[in-house]
Amino acid sequence: MFKPVLLSSFLLTVATASFADLHLSEKIRPQVNSLVNTKIERLPIPPTPNNMNLPEFGQGIIGWGTGPDGAQARFFNITQADVETMKQEGLTLEMSQTWQNFYENEALRNPGNPTAPFRAQLMEKIASLW
């Protein structure tokens, strides 16, 4: 008789504690409304040289680092020689322009993405140094 009462008490305590944690976490981390404009369709991910993965492409070949600061820093220090190296690694002018278009669209589609405008500008500069 004592075991069922003890088990029931334990289960009730666990359920109450779980609900309290959930309620508390909702107050600490409130839901944020998305800034994504659902009227603008997300473009497909553009191609990369030899279908490499995106981190290898963006950080390895383009060198845009992480976040808006990384992309902006790369924008200010990219050179013609860097673009020549990118060409040797398989980047084409068409890829550069497609990525520029992708990030321009992404900046409009999701104003909450602080990196997209800087990456669009960087890809535009790469195309201009072609």
Protein backbone atom coordinates (compact mmCIF):
# COMPACT_ATOMS: atom_id res chain seq x y z
CA MET A 1 0.00 0.00 0.00
CA PHE A 2 2.80 2.39 0.82
CA LYS A 3 4.58 1.84 -2.55
CA PRO A 4 1.67 3.06 -4.76
CA VAL A 5 1.21 6.18 -2.61
CA LEU A 6 4.94 6.90 -2.70
CA LEU A 7 5.09 6.34 -6.47
CA SER A 8 2.06 8.57 -7.08
CA SER A 9 3.56 11.33 -4.96
CA PHE A 10 6.84 11.06 -6.82
CA LEU A 11 5.18 11.23 -10.25
CA LEU A 12 3.07 14.21 -9.21
CA THR A 13 6.18 16.02 -7.95
CA VAL A 14 8.09 15.34 -11.18
CA ALA A 15 5.17 16.51 -13.34
CA THR A 16 4.76 19.70 -11.30
CA ALA A 17 8.49 20.46 -11.43
CA SER A 18 8.57 19.91 -15.20
CA PHE A 19 5.64 22.25 -15.71
CA ALA A 20 7.30 24.88 -13.49
CA ASP A 21 10.53 24.64 -15.51
CA LEU A 22 8.62 25.08 -18.77
CA HIS A 23 6.66 28.03 -17.44
CA LEU A 24 9.83 29.67 -16.11
CA SER A 25 11.74 29.13 -19.36
CA GLU A 26 8.93 30.80 -21.33
CA LYS A 27 9.29 33.88 -19.13
CA ILE A 28 13.07 33.96 -19.40
CA ARG A 29 13.19 33.29 -23.15
CA PRO A 30 9.98 34.74 -24.56
CA GLN A 31 8.89 33.88 -28.06
CA VAL A 32 10.26 36.34 -30.62
CA ASN A 33 8.21 37.10 -33.68
CA SER A 34 10.07 36.24 -36.85
CA LEU A 35 11.24 39.04 -39.11
CA VAL A 36 11.05 36.81 -42.19
CA ASN A 37 8.89 38.27 -44.95
CA THR A 38 6.90 35.25 -46.11
CA LYS A 39 5.93 37.09 -49.30
CA ILE A 40 9.53 36.86 -50.53
CA GLU A 41 10.52 33.34 -51.47
CA ARG A 42 13.88 32.01 -50.33
CA LEU A 43 16.11 31.33 -53.29
CA PRO A 44 17.78 27.94 -53.67
CA ILE A 45 21.31 27.64 -52.29
CA PRO A 46 23.67 28.60 -55.14
CA PRO A 47 26.30 26.20 -56.45
CA THR A 48 29.79 25.94 -55.03
CA PRO A 49 32.98 24.79 -56.76
CA ASN A 50 32.97 21.00 -57.03
CA ASN A 51 29.80 20.95 -54.86
CA MET A 52 31.85 21.60 -51.73
CA ASN A 53 30.03 22.16 -48.45
CA LEU A 54 29.05 25.69 -47.49
CA PRO A 55 31.54 26.26 -44.64
CA GLU A 56 34.39 25.08 -46.86
CA PHE A 57 33.22 27.45 -49.60
CA GLY A 58 32.39 30.50 -47.50
CA GLN A 59 35.17 30.38 -44.98
CA GLY A 60 37.75 28.48 -47.01
CA ILE A 61 37.51 29.95 -50.51
CA ILE A 62 35.71 33.28 -50.02
CA GLY A 63 37.05 33.86 -46.52
CA TRP A 64 33.99 35.69 -45.22
CA GLY A 65 34.55 34.52 -41.65
CA THR A 66 31.56 34.35 -39.36
CA GLY A 67 28.81 36.87 -38.86
CA PRO A 68 28.53 40.38 -40.21
CA ASP A 69 31.90 41.46 -38.79
CA GLY A 70 33.73 38.69 -40.64
CA ALA A 71 32.05 39.48 -43.96
CA GLN A 72 32.62 43.21 -43.56
CA ALA A 73 36.28 42.72 -42.69
CA ARG A 74 36.76 40.53 -45.75
CA PHE A 75 35.02 43.15 -47.91
CA PHE A 76 37.56 45.77 -46.84
CA ASN A 77 40.66 43.61 -47.30
CA ILE A 78 39.92 41.52 -50.41
CA THR A 79 42.36 42.00 -53.28
CA GLN A 80 42.64 41.15 -56.95
CA ALA A 81 45.15 38.46 -55.99
CA ASP A 82 42.56 36.90 -53.65
CA VAL A 83 40.07 36.75 -56.51
CA GLU A 84 42.67 35.10 -58.74
CA THR A 85 43.17 32.44 -56.05
CA MET A 86 39.38 31.95 -55.84
CA LYS A 87 39.29 31.41 -59.60
CA GLN A 88 41.99 28.74 -59.31
CA GLU A 89 39.91 27.06 -56.59
CA GLY A 90 36.93 26.82 -58.95
CA LEU A 91 34.89 29.97 -58.31
CA THR A 92 33.29 31.33 -61.47
CA LEU A 93 31.97 34.81 -62.15
CA GLU A 94 28.49 33.32 -62.52
CA MET A 95 28.76 31.67 -59.07
CA SER A 96 29.85 34.95 -57.53
CA GLN A 97 26.92 36.80 -59.09
CA THR A 98 24.48 34.06 -58.09
CA TRP A 99 25.68 34.22 -54.48
CA GLN A 100 25.38 38.03 -54.56
CA ASN A 101 21.78 37.70 -55.77
CA PHE A 102 21.06 35.05 -53.11
CA TYR A 103 22.28 37.28 -50.28
CA GLU A 104 20.55 40.40 -51.64
CA ASN A 105 17.31 38.42 -51.69
CA GLU A 106 18.02 37.05 -48.22
CA ALA A 107 18.60 40.57 -46.85
CA LEU A 108 15.17 41.59 -48.14
CA ARG A 109 13.47 38.36 -47.12
CA ASN A 110 14.89 38.32 -43.61
CA PRO A 111 15.86 41.74 -42.21
CA GLY A 112 16.80 39.94 -39.00
CA ASN A 113 19.80 38.36 -40.77
CA PRO A 114 22.59 40.88 -40.14
CA THR A 115 25.15 38.99 -42.22
CA ALA A 116 23.30 38.82 -45.55
CA PRO A 117 23.84 42.45 -46.66
CA PHE A 118 27.58 42.27 -46.00
CA ARG A 119 27.95 39.00 -47.87
CA ALA A 120 26.00 40.44 -50.81
CA GLN A 121 28.35 43.43 -50.92
CA LEU A 122 31.38 41.15 -50.67
CA MET A 123 30.21 38.97 -53.55
CA GLU A 124 29.51 42.10 -55.62
CA LYS A 125 33.05 43.30 -54.96
CA ILE A 126 34.48 39.93 -55.94
CA ALA A 127 32.59 40.17 -59.25
CA SER A 128 33.90 43.71 -59.77
CA LEU A 129 37.49 42.48 -59.27
CA TRP A 130 36.98 39.70 -61.80
